């Protein structure tokens, strides 16, 4: 399963936006320490999965650009 598929399967858009906001809010207000152990763990897992997704996106984008530079445009 690709990181994209795995992320979409595990996090819907609303949940993702809520977790992103919670991460930012915790970073700005220092609230992270007041969250339960489970909440902190869930935020960290979300962050790690988002990081994996972003890495995959940029890897795919880089590979696609290389492919185009190596002759992908010659098919037009």
PDB file of N, CA and C in Angstrom:
ATOM      1  N   UNK A   1       0.845  -1.174   0.000  1.00  0.00           N
ATOM      2  CA  UNK A   1       0.000   0.000   0.000  1.00  0.00           C
ATOM      3  C   UNK A   1       0.898   1.247   0.000  1.00  0.00           C
ATOM      4  N   UNK A   2       0.568   2.203  -0.818  1.00  0.00           N
ATOM      5  CA  UNK A   2       1.361   3.430  -0.895  1.00  0.00           C
ATOM      6  C   UNK A   2       1.106   4.300   0.333  1.00  0.00           C
ATOM      7  N   UNK A   3       2.054   5.190   0.672  1.00  0.00           N
ATOM      8  CA  UNK A   3       1.823   6.103   1.795  1.00  0.00           C
ATOM      9  C   UNK A   3       0.561   6.943   1.598  1.00  0.00           C
ATOM     10  N   UNK A   4       0.282   7.327   0.343  1.00  0.00           N
ATOM     11  CA  UNK A   4      -0.927   8.105   0.068  1.00  0.00           C
ATOM     12  C   UNK A   4      -2.179   7.310   0.420  1.00  0.00           C
ATOM     13  N   UNK A   5      -2.260   6.082  -0.079  1.00  0.00           N
ATOM     14  CA  UNK A   5      -3.426   5.234   0.195  1.00  0.00           C
ATOM     15  C   UNK A   5      -3.584   4.977   1.683  1.00  0.00           C
ATOM     16  N   UNK A   6      -2.468   4.711   2.337  1.00  0.00           N
ATOM     17  CA  UNK A   6      -2.504   4.437   3.771  1.00  0.00           C
ATOM     18  C   UNK A   6      -2.985   5.655   4.555  1.00  0.00           C
ATOM     19  N   UNK A   7      -2.508   6.840   4.171  1.00  0.00           N
ATOM     20  CA  UNK A   7      -2.914   8.064   4.862  1.00  0.00           C
ATOM     21  C   UNK A   7      -4.405   8.320   4.669  1.00  0.00           C
ATOM     22  N   UNK A   8      -4.874   8.228   3.432  1.00  0.00           N
ATOM     23  CA  UNK A   8      -6.286   8.469   3.129  1.00  0.00           C
ATOM     24  C   UNK A   8      -7.178   7.458   3.842  1.00  0.00           C
ATOM     25  N   UNK A   9      -6.727   6.237   3.932  1.00  0.00           N
ATOM     26  CA  UNK A   9      -7.482   5.198   4.625  1.00  0.00           C
ATOM     27  C   UNK A   9      -7.590   5.489   6.123  1.00  0.00           C
ATOM     28  N   UNK A  10      -6.519   6.006   6.713  1.00  0.00           N
ATOM     29  CA  UNK A  10      -6.483   6.221   8.160  1.00  0.00           C
ATOM     30  C   UNK A  10      -7.008   7.570   8.625  1.00  0.00           C
ATOM     31  N   UNK A  11      -6.953   8.585   7.769  1.00  0.00           N
ATOM     32  CA  UNK A  11      -7.334   9.942   8.184  1.00  0.00           C
ATOM     33  C   UNK A  11      -8.229  10.586   7.131  1.00  0.00           C
ATOM     34  N   UNK A  12      -9.443  10.971   7.536  1.00  0.00           N
ATOM     35  CA  UNK A  12     -10.275  11.720   6.597  1.00  0.00           C
ATOM     36  C   UNK A  12      -9.882  13.202   6.664  1.00  0.00           C
ATOM     37  N   UNK A  13     -10.455  14.017   5.800  1.00  0.00           N
ATOM     38  CA  UNK A  13     -10.049  15.418   5.700  1.00  0.00           C
ATOM     39  C   UNK A  13     -10.312  16.190   6.989  1.00  0.00           C
ATOM     40  N   UNK A  14     -11.482  16.002   7.574  1.00  0.00           N
ATOM     41  CA  UNK A  14     -11.830  16.738   8.792  1.00  0.00           C
ATOM     42  C   UNK A  14     -10.878  16.369   9.927  1.00  0.00           C
ATOM     43  N   UNK A  15     -10.656  15.082  10.113  1.00  0.00           N
ATOM     44  CA  UNK A  15      -9.747  14.593  11.151  1.00  0.00           C
ATOM     45  C   UNK A  15      -8.346  15.154  10.930  1.00  0.00           C
ATOM     46  N   UNK A  16      -7.886  15.147   9.699  1.00  0.00           N
ATOM     47  CA  UNK A  16      -6.546  15.647   9.379  1.00  0.00           C
ATOM     48  C   UNK A  16      -6.413  17.121   9.717  1.00  0.00           C
ATOM     49  N   UNK A  17      -7.410  17.901   9.352  1.00  0.00           N
ATOM     50  CA  UNK A  17      -7.365  19.337   9.645  1.00  0.00           C
ATOM     51  C   UNK A  17      -7.387  19.593  11.153  1.00  0.00           C
ATOM     52  N   UNK A  18      -8.191  18.829  11.880  1.00  0.00           N
ATOM     53  CA  UNK A  18      -8.241  18.972  13.338  1.00  0.00           C
ATOM     54  C   UNK A  18      -6.886  18.650  13.958  1.00  0.00           C
ATOM     55  N   UNK A  19      -6.256  17.578  13.484  1.00  0.00           N
ATOM     56  CA  UNK A  19      -4.960  17.185  14.041  1.00  0.00           C
ATOM     57  C   UNK A  19      -3.866  18.187  13.679  1.00  0.00           C
ATOM     58  N   UNK A  20      -3.896  18.714  12.463  1.00  0.00           N
ATOM     59  CA  UNK A  20      -2.921  19.743  12.098  1.00  0.00           C
ATOM     60  C   UNK A  20      -3.070  20.960  13.003  1.00  0.00           C
ATOM     61  N   UNK A  21      -4.320  21.375  13.230  1.00  0.00           N
ATOM     62  CA  UNK A  21      -4.554  22.527  14.092  1.00  0.00           C
ATOM     63  C   UNK A  21      -4.087  22.229  15.516  1.00  0.00           C
ATOM     64  N   UNK A  22      -4.349  21.038  16.006  1.00  0.00           N
ATOM     65  CA  UNK A  22      -3.946  20.675  17.360  1.00  0.00           C
ATOM     66  C   UNK A  22      -2.421  20.697  17.493  1.00  0.00           C
ATOM     67  N   UNK A  23      -1.714  20.226  16.476  1.00  0.00           N
ATOM     68  CA  UNK A  23      -0.247  20.251  16.511  1.00  0.00           C
ATOM     69  C   UNK A  23       0.261  21.691  16.582  1.00  0.00           C
ATOM     70  N   UNK A  24      -0.285  22.555  15.742  1.00  0.00           N
ATOM     71  CA  UNK A  24       0.138  23.959  15.740  1.00  0.00           C
ATOM     72  C   UNK A  24      -0.207  24.616  17.069  1.00  0.00           C
ATOM     73  N   UNK A  25      -1.421  24.393  17.545  1.00  0.00           N
ATOM     74  CA  UNK A  25      -1.853  24.990  18.811  1.00  0.00           C
ATOM     75  C   UNK A  25      -0.950  24.550  19.961  1.00  0.00           C
ATOM     76  N   UNK A  26      -0.618  23.266  19.997  1.00  0.00           N
ATOM     77  CA  UNK A  26       0.265  22.747  21.049  1.00  0.00           C
ATOM     78  C   UNK A  26       1.649  23.378  20.968  1.00  0.00           C
ATOM     79  N   UNK A  27       2.142  23.554  19.749  1.00  0.00           N
ATOM     80  CA  UNK A  27       3.469  24.144  19.571  1.00  0.00           C
ATOM     81  C   UNK A  27       3.495  25.600  20.023  1.00  0.00           C
ATOM     82  N   UNK A  28       2.421  26.327  19.741  1.00  0.00           N
ATOM     83  CA  UNK A  28       2.377  27.749  20.065  1.00  0.00           C
ATOM     84  C   UNK A  28       2.072  27.984  21.543  1.00  0.00           C
ATOM     85  N   UNK A  29       1.162  27.212  22.097  1.00  0.00           N
ATOM     86  CA  UNK A  29       0.715  27.460  23.474  1.00  0.00           C
ATOM     87  C   UNK A  29       1.434  26.622  24.521  1.00  0.00           C
ATOM     88  N   UNK A  30       2.172  25.619  24.093  1.00  0.00           N
ATOM     89  CA  UNK A  30       2.833  24.733  25.049  1.00  0.00           C
ATOM     90  C   UNK A  30       1.889  23.726  25.672  1.00  0.00           C
ATOM     91  N   UNK A  31       0.763  23.502  25.050  1.00  0.00           N
ATOM     92  CA  UNK A  31      -0.293  22.633  25.569  1.00  0.00           C
ATOM     93  C   UNK A  31       0.043  21.145  25.487  1.00  0.00           C
ATOM     94  N   UNK A  32       1.058  20.774  24.734  1.00  0.00           N
ATOM     95  CA  UNK A  32       1.354  19.362  24.479  1.00  0.00           C
ATOM     96  C   UNK A  32       1.473  18.553  25.767  1.00  0.00           C
ATOM     97  N   UNK A  33       2.137  19.104  26.767  1.00  0.00           N
ATOM     98  CA  UNK A  33       2.339  18.394  28.028  1.00  0.00           C
ATOM     99  C   UNK A  33       1.065  18.138  28.801  1.00  0.00           C
ATOM    100  N   UNK A  34       0.024  18.915  28.532  1.00  0.00           N
ATOM    101  CA  UNK A  34      -1.236  18.731  29.260  1.00  0.00           C
ATOM    102  C   UNK A  34      -2.158  17.710  28.595  1.00  0.00           C
ATOM    103  N   UNK A  35      -1.783  17.238  27.411  1.00  0.00           N
ATOM    104  CA  UNK A  35      -2.580  16.211  26.740  1.00  0.00           C
ATOM    105  C   UNK A  35      -2.335  14.862  27.405  1.00  0.00           C
ATOM    106  N   UNK A  36      -3.301  13.972  27.266  1.00  0.00           N
ATOM    107  CA  UNK A  36      -3.117  12.622  27.799  1.00  0.00           C
ATOM    108  C   UNK A  36      -2.037  11.906  26.993  1.00  0.00           C
ATOM    109  N   UNK A  37      -1.511  10.852  27.560  1.00  0.00           N
ATOM    110  CA  UNK A  37      -0.481  10.071  26.864  1.00  0.00           C
ATOM    111  C   UNK A  37      -1.009   9.560  25.522  1.00  0.00           C
ATOM    112  N   UNK A  38      -2.270   9.118  25.501  1.00  0.00           N
ATOM    113  CA  UNK A  38      -2.884   8.615  24.264  1.00  0.00           C
ATOM    114  C   UNK A  38      -2.984   9.729  23.223  1.00  0.00           C
ATOM    115  N   UNK A  39      -3.421  10.923  23.645  1.00  0.00           N
ATOM    116  CA  UNK A  39      -3.542  12.040  22.714  1.00  0.00           C
ATOM    117  C   UNK A  39      -2.178  12.430  22.142  1.00  0.00           C
ATOM    118  N   UNK A  40      -1.161  12.467  22.987  1.00  0.00           N
ATOM    119  CA  UNK A  40       0.190  12.793  22.512  1.00  0.00           C
ATOM    120  C   UNK A  40       0.668  11.748  21.513  1.00  0.00           C
ATOM    121  N   UNK A  41       0.416  10.491  21.825  1.00  0.00           N
ATOM    122  CA  UNK A  41       0.817   9.403  20.934  1.00  0.00           C
ATOM    123  C   UNK A  41       0.102   9.508  19.590  1.00  0.00           C
ATOM    124  N   UNK A  42      -1.191   9.786  19.615  1.00  0.00           N
ATOM    125  CA  UNK A  42      -1.966   9.920  18.374  1.00  0.00           C
ATOM    126  C   UNK A  42      -1.449  11.077  17.524  1.00  0.00           C
ATOM    127  N   UNK A  43      -1.103  12.196  18.165  1.00  0.00           N
ATOM    128  CA  UNK A  43      -0.558  13.330  17.422  1.00  0.00           C
ATOM    129  C   UNK A  43       0.782  12.983  16.781  1.00  0.00           C
ATOM    130  N   UNK A  44       1.617  12.281  17.510  1.00  0.00           N
ATOM    131  CA  UNK A  44       2.926  11.902  16.976  1.00  0.00           C
ATOM    132  C   UNK A  44       2.791  10.917  15.815  1.00  0.00           C
ATOM    133  N   UNK A  45       1.887   9.964  15.940  1.00  0.00           N
ATOM    134  CA  UNK A  45       1.659   9.004  14.854  1.00  0.00           C
ATOM    135  C   UNK A  45       1.125   9.728  13.617  1.00  0.00           C
ATOM    136  N   UNK A  46       0.187  10.653  13.832  1.00  0.00           N
ATOM    137  CA  UNK A  46      -0.340  11.442  12.718  1.00  0.00           C
ATOM    138  C   UNK A  46       0.792  12.205  12.036  1.00  0.00           C
ATOM    139  N   UNK A  47       1.638  12.861  12.829  1.00  0.00           N
ATOM    140  CA  UNK A  47       2.753  13.623  12.270  1.00  0.00           C
ATOM    141  C   UNK A  47       3.686  12.715  11.467  1.00  0.00           C
ATOM    142  N   UNK A  48       4.020  11.559  12.010  1.00  0.00           N
ATOM    143  CA  UNK A  48       4.912  10.625  11.311  1.00  0.00           C
ATOM    144  C   UNK A  48       4.298  10.150   9.995  1.00  0.00           C
ATOM    145  N   UNK A  49       2.998   9.874  10.003  1.00  0.00           N
ATOM    146  CA  UNK A  49       2.330   9.444   8.770  1.00  0.00           C
ATOM    147  C   UNK A  49       2.265  10.576   7.750  1.00  0.00           C
ATOM    148  N   UNK A  50       2.033  11.784   8.220  1.00  0.00           N
ATOM    149  CA  UNK A  50       2.019  12.941   7.328  1.00  0.00           C
ATOM    150  C   UNK A  50       3.410  13.171   6.733  1.00  0.00           C
ATOM    151  N   UNK A  51       4.439  13.014   7.545  1.00  0.00           N
ATOM    152  CA  UNK A  51       5.811  13.156   7.068  1.00  0.00           C
ATOM    153  C   UNK A  51       6.122  12.122   5.984  1.00  0.00           C
ATOM    154  N   UNK A  52       5.693  10.882   6.194  1.00  0.00           N
ATOM    155  CA  UNK A  52       5.894   9.823   5.200  1.00  0.00           C
ATOM    156  C   UNK A  52       5.162  10.159   3.906  1.00  0.00           C
ATOM    157  N   UNK A  53       3.943  10.658   4.033  1.00  0.00           N
ATOM    158  CA  UNK A  53       3.159  11.050   2.863  1.00  0.00           C
ATOM    159  C   UNK A  53       3.858  12.159   2.087  1.00  0.00           C
ATOM    160  N   UNK A  54       4.325  13.184   2.784  1.00  0.00           N
ATOM    161  CA  UNK A  54       5.008  14.289   2.113  1.00  0.00           C
ATOM    162  C   UNK A  54       6.284  13.819   1.420  1.00  0.00           C
ATOM    163  N   UNK A  55       7.036  12.957   2.066  1.00  0.00           N
ATOM    164  CA  UNK A  55       8.249  12.412   1.449  1.00  0.00           C
ATOM    165  C   UNK A  55       7.915  11.675   0.161  1.00  0.00           C
ATOM    166  N   UNK A  56       6.847  10.899   0.196  1.00  0.00           N
ATOM    167  CA  UNK A  56       6.439  10.141  -0.981  1.00  0.00           C
ATOM    168  C   UNK A  56       5.991  11.072  -2.108  1.00  0.00           C
ATOM    169  N   UNK A  57       5.271  12.119  -1.758  1.00  0.00           N
ATOM    170  CA  UNK A  57       4.816  13.089  -2.763  1.00  0.00           C
ATOM    171  C   UNK A  57       6.014  13.730  -3.454  1.00  0.00           C
ATOM    172  N   UNK A  58       6.981  14.195  -2.669  1.00  0.00           N
ATOM    173  CA  UNK A  58       8.138  14.859  -3.260  1.00  0.00           C
ATOM    174  C   UNK A  58       9.029  13.888  -4.022  1.00  0.00           C
ATOM    175  N   UNK A  59       9.117  12.662  -3.560  1.00  0.00           N
ATOM    176  CA  UNK A  59       9.879  11.638  -4.289  1.00  0.00           C
ATOM    177  C   UNK A  59       9.220  11.386  -5.645  1.00  0.00           C
ATOM    178  N   UNK A  60       7.902  11.224  -5.645  1.00  0.00           N
ATOM    179  CA  UNK A  60       7.167  10.992  -6.886  1.00  0.00           C
ATOM    180  C   UNK A  60       7.323  12.185  -7.832  1.00  0.00           C
ATOM    181  N   UNK A  61       7.207  13.400  -7.294  1.00  0.00           N
ATOM    182  CA  UNK A  61       7.333  14.608  -8.103  1.00  0.00           C
ATOM    183  C   UNK A  61       8.721  14.702  -8.721  1.00  0.00           C
ATOM    184  N   UNK A  62       9.740  14.414  -7.922  1.00  0.00           N
ATOM    185  CA  UNK A  62      11.117  14.455  -8.419  1.00  0.00           C
ATOM    186  C   UNK A  62      11.333  13.422  -9.521  1.00  0.00           C
ATOM    187  N   UNK A  63      10.814  12.219  -9.332  1.00  0.00           N
ATOM    188  CA  UNK A  63      10.952  11.169 -10.345  1.00  0.00           C
ATOM    189  C   UNK A  63      10.214  11.539 -11.626  1.00  0.00           C
ATOM    190  N   UNK A  64       9.037  12.152 -11.495  1.00  0.00           N
ATOM    191  CA  UNK A  64       8.267  12.558 -12.670  1.00  0.00           C
ATOM    192  C   UNK A  64       9.005  13.646 -13.445  1.00  0.00           C
ATOM    193  N   UNK A  65       9.607  14.600 -12.717  1.00  0.00           N
ATOM    194  CA  UNK A  65      10.362  15.662 -13.386  1.00  0.00           C
ATOM    195  C   UNK A  65      11.575  15.094 -14.115  1.00  0.00           C
ATOM    196  N   UNK A  66      12.276  14.149 -13.496  1.00  0.00           N
ATOM    197  CA  UNK A  66      13.422  13.507 -14.146  1.00  0.00           C
ATOM    198  C   UNK A  66      12.985  12.795 -15.414  1.00  0.00           C
ATOM    199  N   UNK A  67      11.872  12.100 -15.340  1.00  0.00           N
ATOM    200  CA  UNK A  67      11.360  11.362 -16.488  1.00  0.00           C
ATOM    201  C   UNK A  67      11.047  12.311 -17.638  1.00  0.00           C
ATOM    202  N   UNK A  68      10.440  13.460 -17.321  1.00  0.00           N
ATOM    203  CA  UNK A  68      10.127  14.437 -18.364  1.00  0.00           C
ATOM    204  C   UNK A  68      11.400  14.999 -18.976  1.00  0.00           C
ATOM    205  N   UNK A  69      12.395  15.281 -18.145  1.00  0.00           N
ATOM    206  CA  UNK A  69      13.656  15.835 -18.644  1.00  0.00           C
ATOM    207  C   UNK A  69      14.392  14.835 -19.527  1.00  0.00           C
ATOM    208  N   UNK A  70      14.165  13.557 -19.283  1.00  0.00           N
ATOM    209  CA  UNK A  70      14.852  12.519 -20.054  1.00  0.00           C
ATOM    210  C   UNK A  70      14.109  12.156 -21.334  1.00  0.00           C
ATOM    211  N   UNK A  71      13.085  12.911 -21.689  1.00  0.00           N
ATOM    212  CA  UNK A  71      12.426  12.651 -22.955  1.00  0.00           C
ATOM    213  C   UNK A  71      10.937  12.460 -22.876  1.00  0.00           C
ATOM    214  N   UNK A  72      10.357  12.748 -21.753  1.00  0.00           N
ATOM    215  CA  UNK A  72       8.921  12.586 -21.598  1.00  0.00           C
ATOM    216  C   UNK A  72       8.120  13.492 -22.506  1.00  0.00           C
ATOM    217  N   UNK A  73       8.670  14.661 -22.852  1.00  0.00           N
ATOM    218  CA  UNK A  73       7.954  15.602 -23.704  1.00  0.00           C
ATOM    219  C   UNK A  73       8.018  15.223 -25.176  1.00  0.00           C
ATOM    220  N   UNK A  74       8.860  14.298 -25.552  1.00  0.00           N
ATOM    221  CA  UNK A  74       9.021  13.954 -26.967  1.00  0.00           C
ATOM    222  C   UNK A  74       7.846  13.170 -27.524  1.00  0.00           C
ATOM    223  N   UNK A  75       6.917  12.755 -26.666  1.00  0.00           N
ATOM    224  CA  UNK A  75       5.753  11.994 -27.127  1.00  0.00           C
ATOM    225  C   UNK A  75       4.632  12.897 -27.619  1.00  0.00           C
ATOM    226  N   UNK A  76       4.743  14.188 -27.446  1.00  0.00           N
ATOM    227  CA  UNK A  76       3.671  15.110 -27.815  1.00  0.00           C
ATOM    228  C   UNK A  76       3.614  15.325 -29.302  1.00  0.00           C
TER     229      UNK A  76
END
